Amino acid sequence: MHETGLVRDLIRRIDQAAAANGAARVSGVRVWLGALSHLSAAHFREHFEIESRGSAAEGARLTITESADLADPDAQHLRLETLDLEV
């Protein structure tokens, strides 16, 4: 599924950022969901919980902003905005 691929890629990027910064764990993740990303906040949370198992982001607190702007150039994407890292 498209949604699974988006979330898997996000988890991969989170793990890379954690490793690059010497973090053992990610305690918080803030993401932005485009209006055409095919993900609601609830759907994203479900996928995130599954895909983050065994990763640095497992159990992280999620803050999700949903865009309603269909004309946004990133409307089909999700964007990683910030991470809270535990070193």
PDB file of N, CA and C in Angstrom:
ATOM      1  N   MET A   1       0.821  -1.189   0.000  1.00  0.00           N
ATOM      2  CA  MET A   1       0.000   0.000   0.000  1.00  0.00           C
ATOM      3  C   MET A   1       0.867   1.255   0.000  1.00  0.00           C
ATOM      4  N   HIS A   2       0.357   2.281  -0.601  1.00  0.00           N
ATOM      5  CA  HIS A   2       1.038   3.570  -0.657  1.00  0.00           C
ATOM      6  C   HIS A   2       1.328   4.098   0.749  1.00  0.00           C
ATOM      7  N   GLU A   3       0.351   3.983   1.639  1.00  0.00           N
ATOM      8  CA  GLU A   3       0.496   4.501   2.992  1.00  0.00           C
ATOM      9  C   GLU A   3       1.614   3.789   3.740  1.00  0.00           C
ATOM     10  N   THR A   4       1.677   2.481   3.603  1.00  0.00           N
ATOM     11  CA  THR A   4       2.715   1.708   4.277  1.00  0.00           C
ATOM     12  C   THR A   4       4.093   2.134   3.798  1.00  0.00           C
ATOM     13  N   GLY A   5       4.254   2.335   2.506  1.00  0.00           N
ATOM     14  CA  GLY A   5       5.529   2.780   1.956  1.00  0.00           C
ATOM     15  C   GLY A   5       5.939   4.139   2.481  1.00  0.00           C
ATOM     16  N   LEU A   6       4.980   5.056   2.586  1.00  0.00           N
ATOM     17  CA  LEU A   6       5.278   6.392   3.122  1.00  0.00           C
ATOM     18  C   LEU A   6       5.767   6.308   4.563  1.00  0.00           C
ATOM     19  N   VAL A   7       5.075   5.519   5.365  1.00  0.00           N
ATOM     20  CA  VAL A   7       5.437   5.420   6.784  1.00  0.00           C
ATOM     21  C   VAL A   7       6.751   4.672   6.943  1.00  0.00           C
ATOM     22  N   ARG A   8       6.980   3.627   6.176  1.00  0.00           N
ATOM     23  CA  ARG A   8       8.259   2.898   6.246  1.00  0.00           C
ATOM     24  C   ARG A   8       9.424   3.816   5.899  1.00  0.00           C
ATOM     25  N   ASP A   9       9.249   4.630   4.871  1.00  0.00           N
ATOM     26  CA  ASP A   9      10.306   5.572   4.498  1.00  0.00           C
ATOM     27  C   ASP A   9      10.546   6.573   5.620  1.00  0.00           C
ATOM     28  N   LEU A  10       9.490   7.044   6.246  1.00  0.00           N
ATOM     29  CA  LEU A  10       9.623   7.976   7.356  1.00  0.00           C
ATOM     30  C   LEU A  10      10.390   7.337   8.512  1.00  0.00           C
ATOM     31  N   ILE A  11      10.066   6.107   8.867  1.00  0.00           N
ATOM     32  CA  ILE A  11      10.753   5.404   9.957  1.00  0.00           C
ATOM     33  C   ILE A  11      12.231   5.239   9.612  1.00  0.00           C
ATOM     34  N   ARG A  12      12.523   4.924   8.364  1.00  0.00           N
ATOM     35  CA  ARG A  12      13.923   4.788   7.930  1.00  0.00           C
ATOM     36  C   ARG A  12      14.665   6.104   8.135  1.00  0.00           C
ATOM     37  N   ARG A  13      14.032   7.221   7.751  1.00  0.00           N
ATOM     38  CA  ARG A  13      14.663   8.536   7.913  1.00  0.00           C
ATOM     39  C   ARG A  13      14.829   8.899   9.389  1.00  0.00           C
ATOM     40  N   ILE A  14      13.850   8.528  10.208  1.00  0.00           N
ATOM     41  CA  ILE A  14      13.954   8.783  11.649  1.00  0.00           C
ATOM     42  C   ILE A  14      15.110   7.995  12.245  1.00  0.00           C
ATOM     43  N   ASP A  15      15.223   6.718  11.894  1.00  0.00           N
ATOM     44  CA  ASP A  15      16.322   5.888  12.394  1.00  0.00           C
ATOM     45  C   ASP A  15      17.671   6.453  11.961  1.00  0.00           C
ATOM     46  N   GLN A  16      17.768   6.910  10.729  1.00  0.00           N
ATOM     47  CA  GLN A  16      19.021   7.502  10.243  1.00  0.00           C
ATOM     48  C   GLN A  16      19.374   8.767  11.018  1.00  0.00           C
ATOM     49  N   ALA A  17      18.384   9.620  11.258  1.00  0.00           N
ATOM     50  CA  ALA A  17      18.620  10.859  12.004  1.00  0.00           C
ATOM     51  C   ALA A  17      19.033  10.549  13.440  1.00  0.00           C
ATOM     52  N   ALA A  18      18.386   9.571  14.058  1.00  0.00           N
ATOM     53  CA  ALA A  18      18.739   9.190  15.426  1.00  0.00           C
ATOM     54  C   ALA A  18      20.182   8.691  15.482  1.00  0.00           C
ATOM     55  N   ALA A  19      20.542   7.813  14.567  1.00  0.00           N
ATOM     56  CA  ALA A  19      21.903   7.267  14.535  1.00  0.00           C
ATOM     57  C   ALA A  19      22.935   8.366  14.274  1.00  0.00           C
ATOM     58  N   ALA A  20      22.638   9.259  13.356  1.00  0.00           N
ATOM     59  CA  ALA A  20      23.572  10.340  13.012  1.00  0.00           C
ATOM     60  C   ALA A  20      23.812  11.279  14.187  1.00  0.00           C
ATOM     61  N   ASN A  21      22.840  11.356  15.102  1.00  0.00           N
ATOM     62  CA  ASN A  21      22.957  12.245  16.259  1.00  0.00           C
ATOM     63  C   ASN A  21      23.282  11.504  17.554  1.00  0.00           C
ATOM     64  N   GLY A  22      23.605  10.224  17.442  1.00  0.00           N
ATOM     65  CA  GLY A  22      23.984   9.437  18.608  1.00  0.00           C
ATOM     66  C   GLY A  22      22.846   9.182  19.581  1.00  0.00           C
ATOM     67  N   ALA A  23      21.629   9.224  19.108  1.00  0.00           N
ATOM     68  CA  ALA A  23      20.469   9.018  19.971  1.00  0.00           C
ATOM     69  C   ALA A  23      20.139   7.537  20.073  1.00  0.00           C
ATOM     70  N   ALA A  24      19.851   7.118  21.272  1.00  0.00           N
ATOM     71  CA  ALA A  24      19.448   5.736  21.498  1.00  0.00           C
ATOM     72  C   ALA A  24      17.969   5.545  21.230  1.00  0.00           C
ATOM     73  N   ARG A  25      17.217   6.641  21.373  1.00  0.00           N
ATOM     74  CA  ARG A  25      15.776   6.541  21.259  1.00  0.00           C
ATOM     75  C   ARG A  25      15.194   7.860  20.793  1.00  0.00           C
ATOM     76  N   VAL A  26      14.062   7.779  20.123  1.00  0.00           N
ATOM     77  CA  VAL A  26      13.299   8.957  19.718  1.00  0.00           C
ATOM     78  C   VAL A  26      12.054   8.990  20.587  1.00  0.00           C
ATOM     79  N   SER A  27      11.901  10.053  21.372  1.00  0.00           N
ATOM     80  CA  SER A  27      10.759  10.120  22.282  1.00  0.00           C
ATOM     81  C   SER A  27       9.579  10.890  21.701  1.00  0.00           C
ATOM     82  N   GLY A  28       9.818  11.691  20.660  1.00  0.00           N
ATOM     83  CA  GLY A  28       8.742  12.455  20.050  1.00  0.00           C
ATOM     84  C   GLY A  28       8.970  12.667  18.572  1.00  0.00           C
ATOM     85  N   VAL A  29       7.895  12.644  17.811  1.00  0.00           N
ATOM     86  CA  VAL A  29       7.940  12.843  16.363  1.00  0.00           C
ATOM     87  C   VAL A  29       6.816  13.796  15.989  1.00  0.00           C
ATOM     88  N   ARG A  30       7.162  14.828  15.228  1.00  0.00           N
ATOM     89  CA  ARG A  30       6.150  15.760  14.727  1.00  0.00           C
ATOM     90  C   ARG A  30       6.119  15.642  13.214  1.00  0.00           C
ATOM     91  N   VAL A  31       4.938  15.362  12.659  1.00  0.00           N
ATOM     92  CA  VAL A  31       4.787  15.210  11.212  1.00  0.00           C
ATOM     93  C   VAL A  31       3.645  16.083  10.695  1.00  0.00           C
ATOM     94  N   TRP A  32       3.709  16.367   9.419  1.00  0.00           N
ATOM     95  CA  TRP A  32       2.689  17.120   8.689  1.00  0.00           C
ATOM     96  C   TRP A  32       2.164  16.206   7.601  1.00  0.00           C
ATOM     97  N   LEU A  33       0.844  16.065   7.507  1.00  0.00           N
ATOM     98  CA  LEU A  33       0.214  15.213   6.496  1.00  0.00           C
ATOM     99  C   LEU A  33      -0.441  16.087   5.443  1.00  0.00           C
ATOM    100  N   GLY A  34      -0.038  15.915   4.200  1.00  0.00           N
ATOM    101  CA  GLY A  34      -0.645  16.661   3.109  1.00  0.00           C
ATOM    102  C   GLY A  34      -2.088  16.227   2.880  1.00  0.00           C
ATOM    103  N   ALA A  35      -2.872  17.129   2.327  1.00  0.00           N
ATOM    104  CA  ALA A  35      -4.304  16.877   2.103  1.00  0.00           C
ATOM    105  C   ALA A  35      -4.553  15.699   1.162  1.00  0.00           C
ATOM    106  N   LEU A  36      -3.600  15.405   0.296  1.00  0.00           N
ATOM    107  CA  LEU A  36      -3.760  14.305  -0.665  1.00  0.00           C
ATOM    108  C   LEU A  36      -2.824  13.131  -0.362  1.00  0.00           C
ATOM    109  N   SER A  37      -2.360  13.031   0.866  1.00  0.00           N
ATOM    110  CA  SER A  37      -1.412  11.965   1.239  1.00  0.00           C
ATOM    111  C   SER A  37      -2.098  10.626   1.462  1.00  0.00           C
ATOM    112  N   HIS A  38      -3.416  10.602   1.466  1.00  0.00           N
ATOM    113  CA  HIS A  38      -4.205   9.384   1.709  1.00  0.00           C
ATOM    114  C   HIS A  38      -4.076   8.886   3.136  1.00  0.00           C
ATOM    115  N   LEU A  39      -3.669   9.765   4.047  1.00  0.00           N
ATOM    116  CA  LEU A  39      -3.521   9.391   5.444  1.00  0.00           C
ATOM    117  C   LEU A  39      -4.262  10.377   6.336  1.00  0.00           C
ATOM    118  N   SER A  40      -5.140   9.863   7.163  1.00  0.00           N
ATOM    119  CA  SER A  40      -5.709  10.681   8.233  1.00  0.00           C
ATOM    120  C   SER A  40      -4.763  10.540   9.424  1.00  0.00           C
ATOM    121  N   ALA A  41      -4.930  11.373  10.416  1.00  0.00           N
ATOM    122  CA  ALA A  41      -4.091  11.273  11.613  1.00  0.00           C
ATOM    123  C   ALA A  41      -4.248   9.894  12.262  1.00  0.00           C
ATOM    124  N   ALA A  42      -5.479   9.417  12.359  1.00  0.00           N
ATOM    125  CA  ALA A  42      -5.727   8.109  12.976  1.00  0.00           C
ATOM    126  C   ALA A  42      -5.078   6.983  12.175  1.00  0.00           C
ATOM    127  N   HIS A  43      -5.199   7.042  10.870  1.00  0.00           N
ATOM    128  CA  HIS A  43      -4.611   6.023   9.995  1.00  0.00           C
ATOM    129  C   HIS A  43      -3.094   6.060  10.092  1.00  0.00           C
ATOM    130  N   PHE A  44      -2.534   7.273  10.111  1.00  0.00           N
ATOM    131  CA  PHE A  44      -1.082   7.410  10.251  1.00  0.00           C
ATOM    132  C   PHE A  44      -0.613   6.788  11.566  1.00  0.00           C
ATOM    133  N   ARG A  45      -1.323   7.075  12.658  1.00  0.00           N
ATOM    134  CA  ARG A  45      -0.941   6.517  13.967  1.00  0.00           C
ATOM    135  C   ARG A  45      -0.909   4.993  13.933  1.00  0.00           C
ATOM    136  N   GLU A  46      -1.903   4.383  13.301  1.00  0.00           N
ATOM    137  CA  GLU A  46      -1.943   2.921  13.196  1.00  0.00           C
ATOM    138  C   GLU A  46      -0.720   2.396  12.455  1.00  0.00           C
ATOM    139  N   HIS A  47      -0.449   2.979  11.296  1.00  0.00           N
ATOM    140  CA  HIS A  47       0.716   2.549  10.504  1.00  0.00           C
ATOM    141  C   HIS A  47       2.012   2.806  11.261  1.00  0.00           C
ATOM    142  N   PHE A  48       2.118   3.961  11.915  1.00  0.00           N
ATOM    143  CA  PHE A  48       3.338   4.311  12.633  1.00  0.00           C
ATOM    144  C   PHE A  48       3.610   3.308  13.749  1.00  0.00           C
ATOM    145  N   GLU A  49       2.576   2.954  14.490  1.00  0.00           N
ATOM    146  CA  GLU A  49       2.739   2.003  15.586  1.00  0.00           C
ATOM    147  C   GLU A  49       3.278   0.667  15.079  1.00  0.00           C
ATOM    148  N   ILE A  50       2.745   0.202  13.976  1.00  0.00           N
ATOM    149  CA  ILE A  50       3.184  -1.078  13.404  1.00  0.00           C
ATOM    150  C   ILE A  50       4.599  -0.977  12.843  1.00  0.00           C
ATOM    151  N   GLU A  51       4.846   0.037  12.016  1.00  0.00           N
ATOM    152  CA  GLU A  51       6.125   0.146  11.319  1.00  0.00           C
ATOM    153  C   GLU A  51       7.277   0.562  12.223  1.00  0.00           C
ATOM    154  N   SER A  52       6.989   1.182  13.361  1.00  0.00           N
ATOM    155  CA  SER A  52       8.073   1.635  14.241  1.00  0.00           C
ATOM    156  C   SER A  52       8.542   0.550  15.208  1.00  0.00           C
ATOM    157  N   ARG A  53       7.867  -0.580  15.251  1.00  0.00           N
ATOM    158  CA  ARG A  53       8.282  -1.665  16.147  1.00  0.00           C
ATOM    159  C   ARG A  53       9.735  -2.053  15.866  1.00  0.00           C
ATOM    160  N   GLY A  54      10.536  -2.043  16.919  1.00  0.00           N
ATOM    161  CA  GLY A  54      11.940  -2.410  16.784  1.00  0.00           C
ATOM    162  C   GLY A  54      12.835  -1.277  16.311  1.00  0.00           C
ATOM    163  N   SER A  55      12.265  -0.116  16.072  1.00  0.00           N
ATOM    164  CA  SER A  55      13.053   1.031  15.619  1.00  0.00           C
ATOM    165  C   SER A  55      13.311   1.979  16.779  1.00  0.00           C
ATOM    166  N   ALA A  56      14.133   2.994  16.534  1.00  0.00           N
ATOM    167  CA  ALA A  56      14.406   4.010  17.553  1.00  0.00           C
ATOM    168  C   ALA A  56      13.147   4.778  17.918  1.00  0.00           C
ATOM    169  N   ALA A  57      12.153   4.784  17.040  1.00  0.00           N
ATOM    170  CA  ALA A  57      10.925   5.557  17.258  1.00  0.00           C
ATOM    171  C   ALA A  57       9.804   4.760  17.920  1.00  0.00           C
ATOM    172  N   GLU A  58      10.061   3.517  18.257  1.00  0.00           N
ATOM    173  CA  GLU A  58       9.003   2.724  18.885  1.00  0.00           C
ATOM    174  C   GLU A  58       8.540   3.398  20.176  1.00  0.00           C
ATOM    175  N   GLY A  59       7.242   3.615  20.304  1.00  0.00           N
ATOM    176  CA  GLY A  59       6.667   4.227  21.490  1.00  0.00           C
ATOM    177  C   GLY A  59       6.765   5.742  21.535  1.00  0.00           C
ATOM    178  N   ALA A  60       7.262   6.358  20.466  1.00  0.00           N
ATOM    179  CA  ALA A  60       7.410   7.817  20.451  1.00  0.00           C
ATOM    180  C   ALA A  60       6.050   8.507  20.489  1.00  0.00           C
ATOM    181  N   ARG A  61       6.014   9.668  21.134  1.00  0.00           N
ATOM    182  CA  ARG A  61       4.817  10.515  21.163  1.00  0.00           C
ATOM    183  C   ARG A  61       4.695  11.185  19.800  1.00  0.00           C
ATOM    184  N   LEU A  62       3.518  11.104  19.206  1.00  0.00           N
ATOM    185  CA  LEU A  62       3.292  11.690  17.883  1.00  0.00           C
ATOM    186  C   LEU A  62       2.508  12.989  17.983  1.00  0.00           C
ATOM    187  N   THR A  63       2.961  13.982  17.245  1.00  0.00           N
ATOM    188  CA  THR A  63       2.216  15.218  17.063  1.00  0.00           C
ATOM    189  C   THR A  63       1.978  15.322  15.567  1.00  0.00           C
ATOM    190  N   ILE A  64       0.716  15.358  15.177  1.00  0.00           N
ATOM    191  CA  ILE A  64       0.361  15.305  13.754  1.00  0.00           C
ATOM    192  C   ILE A  64      -0.436  16.540  13.374  1.00  0.00           C
ATOM    193  N   THR A  65       0.005  17.196  12.308  1.00  0.00           N
ATOM    194  CA  THR A  65      -0.734  18.309  11.726  1.00  0.00           C
ATOM    195  C   THR A  65      -1.280  17.837  10.386  1.00  0.00           C
ATOM    196  N   GLU A  66      -2.590  17.980  10.193  1.00  0.00           N
ATOM    197  CA  GLU A  66      -3.218  17.601   8.930  1.00  0.00           C
ATOM    198  C   GLU A  66      -3.530  18.855   8.120  1.00  0.00           C
ATOM    199  N   SER A  67      -3.064  18.870   6.885  1.00  0.00           N
ATOM    200  CA  SER A  67      -3.351  19.991   5.994  1.00  0.00           C
ATOM    201  C   SER A  67      -4.638  19.723   5.224  1.00  0.00           C
ATOM    202  N   ALA A  68      -5.391  20.770   4.967  1.00  0.00           N
ATOM    203  CA  ALA A  68      -6.597  20.670   4.142  1.00  0.00           C
ATOM    204  C   ALA A  68      -6.399  21.386   2.813  1.00  0.00           C
ATOM    205  N   ASP A  69      -5.183  21.871   2.565  1.00  0.00           N
ATOM    206  CA  ASP A  69      -4.877  22.660   1.374  1.00  0.00           C
ATOM    207  C   ASP A  69      -4.558  21.753   0.183  1.00  0.00           C
ATOM    208  N   LEU A  70      -5.540  21.544  -0.669  1.00  0.00           N
ATOM    209  CA  LEU A  70      -5.361  20.676  -1.840  1.00  0.00           C
ATOM    210  C   LEU A  70      -4.382  21.259  -2.852  1.00  0.00           C
ATOM    211  N   ALA A  71      -4.171  22.567  -2.828  1.00  0.00           N
ATOM    212  CA  ALA A  71      -3.281  23.220  -3.785  1.00  0.00           C
ATOM    213  C   ALA A  71      -1.832  23.282  -3.301  1.00  0.00           C
ATOM    214  N   ASP A  72      -1.575  22.866  -2.082  1.00  0.00           N
ATOM    215  CA  ASP A  72      -0.205  22.888  -1.564  1.00  0.00           C
ATOM    216  C   ASP A  72       0.669  22.006  -2.443  1.00  0.00           C
ATOM    217  N   PRO A  73       1.867  22.465  -2.814  1.00  0.00           N
ATOM    218  CA  PRO A  73       2.745  21.641  -3.667  1.00  0.00           C
ATOM    219  C   PRO A  73       3.144  20.315  -3.008  1.00  0.00           C
ATOM    220  N   ASP A  74       3.042  20.227  -1.695  1.00  0.00           N
ATOM    221  CA  ASP A  74       3.368  18.989  -0.981  1.00  0.00           C
ATOM    222  C   ASP A  74       2.124  18.227  -0.541  1.00  0.00           C
ATOM    223  N   ALA A  75       0.989  18.513  -1.144  1.00  0.00           N
ATOM    224  CA  ALA A  75      -0.283  17.930  -0.709  1.00  0.00           C
ATOM    225  C   ALA A  75      -0.289  16.400  -0.762  1.00  0.00           C
ATOM    226  N   GLN A  76       0.550  15.790  -1.582  1.00  0.00           N
ATOM    227  CA  GLN A  76       0.567  14.322  -1.694  1.00  0.00           C
ATOM    228  C   GLN A  76       1.565  13.674  -0.739  1.00  0.00           C
ATOM    229  N   HIS A  77       2.207  14.459   0.071  1.00  0.00           N
ATOM    230  CA  HIS A  77       3.314  13.956   0.885  1.00  0.00           C
ATOM    231  C   HIS A  77       3.035  14.046   2.373  1.00  0.00           C
ATOM    232  N   LEU A  78       3.914  13.394   3.116  1.00  0.00           N
ATOM    233  CA  LEU A  78       3.972  13.637   4.547  1.00  0.00           C
ATOM    234  C   LEU A  78       5.362  14.187   4.809  1.00  0.00           C
ATOM    235  N   ARG A  79       5.450  15.045   5.797  1.00  0.00           N
ATOM    236  CA  ARG A  79       6.718  15.716   6.066  1.00  0.00           C
ATOM    237  C   ARG A  79       7.105  15.522   7.528  1.00  0.00           C
ATOM    238  N   LEU A  80       8.333  15.092   7.740  1.00  0.00           N
ATOM    239  CA  LEU A  80       8.897  15.003   9.076  1.00  0.00           C
ATOM    240  C   LEU A  80       9.342  16.398   9.472  1.00  0.00           C
ATOM    241  N   GLU A  81       8.771  16.919  10.555  1.00  0.00           N
ATOM    242  CA  GLU A  81       9.082  18.287  10.957  1.00  0.00           C
ATOM    243  C   GLU A  81      10.121  18.332  12.075  1.00  0.00           C
ATOM    244  N   THR A  82       9.911  17.604  13.141  1.00  0.00           N
ATOM    245  CA  THR A  82      10.895  17.600  14.240  1.00  0.00           C
ATOM    246  C   THR A  82      10.943  16.237  14.913  1.00  0.00           C
ATOM    247  N   LEU A  83      12.070  16.004  15.586  1.00  0.00           N
ATOM    248  CA  LEU A  83      12.267  14.805  16.394  1.00  0.00           C
ATOM    249  C   LEU A  83      12.751  15.209  17.771  1.00  0.00           C
ATOM    250  N   ASP A  84      12.288  14.518  18.784  1.00  0.00           N
ATOM    251  CA  ASP A  84      12.831  14.654  20.136  1.00  0.00           C
ATOM    252  C   ASP A  84      13.707  13.435  20.355  1.00  0.00           C
ATOM    253  N   LEU A  85      15.015  13.673  20.491  1.00  0.00           N
ATOM    254  CA  LEU A  85      15.988  12.581  20.605  1.00  0.00           C
ATOM    255  C   LEU A  85      16.472  12.433  22.025  1.00  0.00           C
ATOM    256  N   GLU A  86      16.655  11.193  22.449  1.00  0.00           N
ATOM    257  CA  GLU A  86      17.256  10.884  23.751  1.00  0.00           C
ATOM    258  C   GLU A  86      18.644  10.304  23.487  1.00  0.00           C
ATOM    259  N   VAL A  87      19.636  11.051  23.898  1.00  0.00           N
ATOM    260  CA  VAL A  87      21.029  10.654  23.634  1.00  0.00           C
ATOM    261  C   VAL A  87      21.535   9.763  24.746  1.00  0.00           C
TER     262      VAL A  87
END
